[in-house]
Every structure is written in C-alpha cells, then in structure tokens.
Protein backbone atom coordinates (compact mmCIF):
# COMPACT_ATOMS: atom_id res chain seq x y z
CA MET A 1 -79.01 -2.59 -92.09
CA GLU A 2 -80.02 -6.06 -90.95
CA ASP A 3 -83.55 -7.33 -91.32
CA PHE A 4 -85.69 -6.68 -88.25
CA THR A 5 -83.50 -5.54 -85.37
CA GLY A 6 -84.94 -5.48 -81.85
CA LEU A 7 -85.06 -2.25 -79.84
CA TRP A 8 -83.10 -3.99 -77.08
CA GLN A 9 -80.25 -4.46 -79.57
CA ALA A 10 -80.15 -0.72 -80.28
CA GLU A 11 -80.02 -0.07 -76.54
CA ALA A 12 -77.13 -2.55 -76.16
CA LEU A 13 -75.19 -0.77 -78.92
CA ALA A 14 -75.85 2.60 -77.30
CA ARG A 15 -74.55 1.19 -74.03
CA LYS A 16 -71.42 -0.12 -75.75
CA TYR A 17 -70.62 2.98 -77.81
CA GLY A 18 -72.23 5.82 -75.84
CA SER A 19 -70.43 5.83 -72.52
CA ASP A 20 -69.08 9.34 -73.16
CA LEU A 21 -72.54 10.95 -72.97
CA GLN A 22 -73.03 12.13 -69.41
CA GLY A 23 -76.63 12.15 -68.20
CA VAL A 24 -78.04 10.27 -71.21
CA THR A 25 -79.02 6.66 -70.61
CA PRO A 26 -78.34 4.09 -73.31
CA ARG A 27 -82.08 3.60 -73.77
CA ASN A 28 -82.66 7.33 -74.27
CA ARG A 29 -79.78 7.54 -76.72
CA ALA A 30 -81.16 4.58 -78.69
CA ARG A 31 -84.66 6.03 -78.56
CA ARG A 32 -83.57 9.44 -79.84
CA SER A 33 -81.62 7.86 -82.67
CA LEU A 34 -84.46 5.56 -83.70
CA GLU A 35 -87.01 8.38 -83.51
CA ARG A 36 -84.86 10.53 -85.80
CA LEU A 37 -84.32 7.71 -88.26
CA ALA A 38 -88.07 6.98 -88.35
CA GLU A 39 -88.99 10.66 -88.72
CA ASP A 40 -86.47 10.99 -91.56
CA GLY A 41 -88.11 8.02 -93.28
CA LEU A 42 -85.04 5.76 -93.06
CA ILE A 43 -86.43 2.98 -90.81
CA VAL A 44 -89.81 1.49 -90.00
CA VAL A 45 -90.76 0.26 -86.51
CA TYR A 46 -92.92 -2.84 -86.13
CA VAL A 47 -94.84 -4.79 -83.50
CA CYS A 48 -94.24 -8.48 -84.25
CA ARG A 49 -95.59 -11.71 -82.84
CA GLY A 50 -92.99 -14.47 -82.81
CA VAL A 51 -90.26 -14.48 -85.43
CA PRO A 52 -90.46 -11.21 -87.37
CA THR A 53 -91.62 -11.65 -90.95
CA ASP A 54 -93.81 -9.59 -93.24
CA GLU A 55 -96.73 -11.77 -92.15
CA THR A 56 -96.19 -11.51 -88.36
CA CYS A 57 -95.48 -7.78 -88.09
CA ASP A 58 -97.61 -4.64 -88.04
CA ARG A 59 -96.11 -1.25 -88.80
CA VAL A 60 -96.09 1.35 -86.03
CA GLY A 61 -97.10 4.81 -87.26
CA LEU A 62 -95.00 7.85 -86.39
CA GLU A 63 -97.76 9.18 -84.13
CA GLU A 64 -97.69 5.92 -82.13
CA LEU A 65 -93.89 5.77 -81.69
CA PRO A 66 -93.70 7.77 -78.44
CA LYS A 67 -96.23 5.46 -76.75
CA VAL A 68 -94.44 2.33 -77.98
CA PHE A 69 -91.02 3.66 -76.97
CA ASP A 70 -92.34 4.65 -73.51
CA MET A 71 -93.31 1.07 -72.69
CA GLY A 72 -90.43 -0.64 -70.88
CA ILE A 73 -91.47 -3.99 -72.32
CA SER A 74 -90.65 -2.66 -75.81
CA TRP A 75 -86.96 -2.70 -74.90
CA ILE A 76 -86.87 -6.33 -73.75
CA ALA A 77 -86.32 -9.30 -76.06
CA PRO A 78 -89.56 -11.28 -76.32
CA GLU A 79 -89.86 -14.86 -75.26
CA GLU A 80 -90.35 -17.41 -78.02
CA GLY A 81 -93.63 -16.65 -79.76
CA GLY A 82 -94.08 -13.42 -77.78
CA ILE A 83 -94.66 -9.89 -78.97
CA GLY A 84 -91.58 -7.77 -79.64
CA ILE A 85 -90.79 -4.34 -81.03
CA TRP A 86 -88.45 -4.39 -84.00
CA TYR A 87 -87.22 -1.97 -86.64
CA ASP A 88 -86.04 -2.43 -90.18
CA THR A 89 -84.23 -0.27 -92.69
CA ASN A 90 -86.44 0.67 -95.62
CA ASP A 91 -85.25 1.33 -99.19
CA ASP A 92 -84.47 4.99 -98.47
CA GLY A 93 -82.52 3.99 -95.37
CA PHE A 94 -80.55 1.40 -97.31
CA ASP A 95 -79.75 3.98 -100.00
CA ALA A 96 -78.59 6.44 -97.33
CA TYR A 97 -76.39 3.75 -95.78
CA ARG A 98 -74.85 2.96 -99.16
CA LYS A 99 -74.10 6.62 -99.79
CA ALA A 100 -72.66 7.15 -96.31
CA THR A 101 -70.35 4.14 -96.63
CA ASP A 102 -69.55 4.68 -100.33
CA TRP A 103 -70.86 1.19 -101.01
CA GLN A 104 -71.45 0.74 -104.72
C-alpha cells in the first residue's frame, strides 16, 4: 500500500513470512505474488532512475514483466541515482486493500 516499493522489499517479506513453503525460494514467492497482483490490475511495476517519482519512472507492461523479473539485478536495491525496479498499488489495488481490511 506504500508508494513505490522495491522488488527486493517484497523478497525480504517473502523470506520473513514464507519459511513454511518447501522448495519455493523467497524470490519466487515474491515474483508469483507480484505477477498475480499485476495481472489482476492491482499493482503497476516501474523501472525508475533515482528516487521513484512520477517523473523518474516508466511503467513496465504485463508482457515485459517476465523479462524484468528474470533479471537478478531487478531484485537488488539500486545505488543512489541508479536504476531500480519498483511497484505501486493503483486505485483498484487500494480499493481491494480497503475492502479486504474493512477500512472505511
């Protein structure tokens, strides 16, 4: 639900909360989750240079996601001013979150 979350952060959460899944790496768990959320139209994935803002980011199309997710560098936090892969919840995703958490 935060603005612009890095892929590496999703992998860290999958590592923290997904230890019960035998044979599935945290990165693969994060990837599957993000792919589903993007396919369902709940998040958007971006390539950003430097600090992510609307001006520094380009949207990644669904057809390009597999290629972006396959690149190991996509899952590493960028150095200052570097290129990073981020995702953001869109309006539909925020609405789904509000419904799921009964947030009025």
